[in-house]
Amino acid sequence: MEEEKVLLNATLCFLVRNSKVLLGFKTKKIGKDCWNGYGGGIEEGEIPKQSALRELKEKTGMVALPESLEKAAIVDFHNTKSDGSTLFVEYMFI
């Protein structure tokens, strides 16, 4: 069985083009079988905006300009893992 990934700090980026939000369909891991924005964990030494730019490029191939990202919110989650334990997670939405 694959070990569960635990993200304590992550970014999520919603792409907007012509007033429409562009989403990706998750095929594995966190959010499997759901539509969502693009993002992932913040690596050591990164600030949230750098993480969002890196994740966007890794997952879509798109290179966005830093000034094109706008911080929308900081959201705190309390997640329950498959073993029943809970953890507190903070996600930065950009």
Protein backbone atom coordinates (compact mmCIF):
# COMPACT_ATOMS: atom_id res chain seq x y z
CA MET A 1 0.00 0.00 0.00
CA GLU A 2 1.31 3.44 -0.96
CA GLU A 3 2.07 5.72 2.01
CA GLU A 4 -0.27 8.70 2.34
CA LYS A 5 1.22 12.03 1.38
CA VAL A 6 0.88 14.68 4.09
CA LEU A 7 1.20 18.31 3.01
CA LEU A 8 1.44 20.85 5.80
CA ASN A 9 1.91 23.86 3.53
CA ALA A 10 0.74 23.95 -0.05
CA THR A 11 -0.47 26.24 -2.81
CA LEU A 12 -3.44 25.98 -5.10
CA CYS A 13 -3.66 28.05 -8.26
CA PHE A 14 -6.86 28.67 -10.19
CA LEU A 15 -6.27 29.68 -13.80
CA VAL A 16 -8.68 32.24 -15.22
CA ARG A 17 -9.00 32.89 -18.95
CA ASN A 18 -11.76 34.97 -20.55
CA SER A 19 -13.67 35.02 -17.24
CA LYS A 20 -13.64 31.19 -17.05
CA VAL A 21 -11.83 29.11 -14.43
CA LEU A 22 -9.71 26.33 -15.97
CA LEU A 23 -9.53 23.20 -13.82
CA GLY A 24 -7.63 19.92 -14.05
CA PHE A 25 -9.08 16.47 -13.37
CA LYS A 26 -7.21 14.63 -10.61
CA THR A 27 -6.42 11.00 -11.49
CA LYS A 28 -4.48 10.00 -8.36
CA LYS A 29 -3.57 10.89 -4.78
CA ILE A 30 -5.21 13.80 -2.92
CA GLY A 31 -8.49 14.76 -4.62
CA LYS A 32 -8.56 11.73 -6.96
CA ASP A 33 -11.53 11.78 -9.39
CA CYS A 34 -12.28 15.46 -8.71
CA TRP A 35 -11.83 18.69 -10.66
CA ASN A 36 -9.47 21.17 -9.00
CA GLY A 37 -6.94 23.93 -9.52
CA TYR A 38 -3.21 23.25 -9.88
CA GLY A 39 -0.83 23.14 -6.97
CA GLY A 40 1.11 21.13 -4.47
CA GLY A 41 3.51 21.30 -1.57
CA ILE A 42 5.74 24.26 -0.84
CA GLU A 43 9.35 23.06 -1.00
CA GLU A 44 11.97 24.11 1.54
CA GLY A 45 13.23 27.62 0.78
CA GLU A 46 10.26 28.53 -1.44
CA ILE A 47 7.72 31.23 -0.80
CA PRO A 48 4.10 30.41 -1.74
CA LYS A 49 4.19 32.36 -5.02
CA GLN A 50 7.34 30.51 -6.16
CA SER A 51 5.66 27.21 -5.31
CA ALA A 52 2.53 28.13 -7.27
CA LEU A 53 4.60 29.09 -10.34
CA ARG A 54 6.65 25.87 -10.15
CA GLU A 55 3.61 23.64 -9.66
CA LEU A 56 1.74 25.35 -12.51
CA LYS A 57 4.67 24.72 -14.87
CA GLU A 58 5.14 21.10 -13.70
CA LYS A 59 1.48 20.20 -14.07
CA THR A 60 0.47 22.22 -17.15
CA GLY A 61 3.68 23.25 -18.92
CA MET A 62 2.54 26.88 -18.62
CA VAL A 63 4.98 29.56 -17.52
CA ALA A 64 3.14 32.32 -15.67
CA LEU A 65 4.59 35.70 -14.74
CA PRO A 66 4.83 36.26 -10.98
CA GLU A 67 2.86 39.50 -11.28
CA SER A 68 -0.01 37.59 -12.91
CA LEU A 69 -0.72 35.70 -9.67
CA GLU A 70 -3.01 37.23 -7.09
CA LYS A 71 -3.31 36.01 -3.52
CA ALA A 72 -6.94 35.17 -2.91
CA ALA A 73 -7.03 33.52 0.52
CA ILE A 74 -5.35 31.44 3.19
CA VAL A 75 -7.48 28.44 4.10
CA ASP A 76 -6.98 26.14 7.08
CA PHE A 77 -8.08 22.50 6.81
CA HIS A 78 -8.45 19.76 9.38
CA ASN A 79 -7.96 16.52 7.46
CA THR A 80 -8.64 12.94 8.52
CA LYS A 81 -6.18 10.36 7.24
CA SER A 82 -7.19 6.84 6.25
CA ASP A 83 -6.00 5.51 9.62
CA GLY A 84 -8.43 7.85 11.42
CA SER A 85 -5.82 10.28 12.74
CA THR A 86 -6.30 13.98 12.04
CA LEU A 87 -3.93 16.75 11.10
CA PHE A 88 -4.16 20.49 10.65
CA VAL A 89 -3.19 21.82 7.23
CA GLU A 90 -2.83 25.39 5.94
CA TYR A 91 -3.24 25.98 2.20
CA MET A 92 -2.34 29.21 0.47
CA PHE A 93 -4.53 29.97 -2.52
CA ILE A 94 -2.90 32.11 -5.18
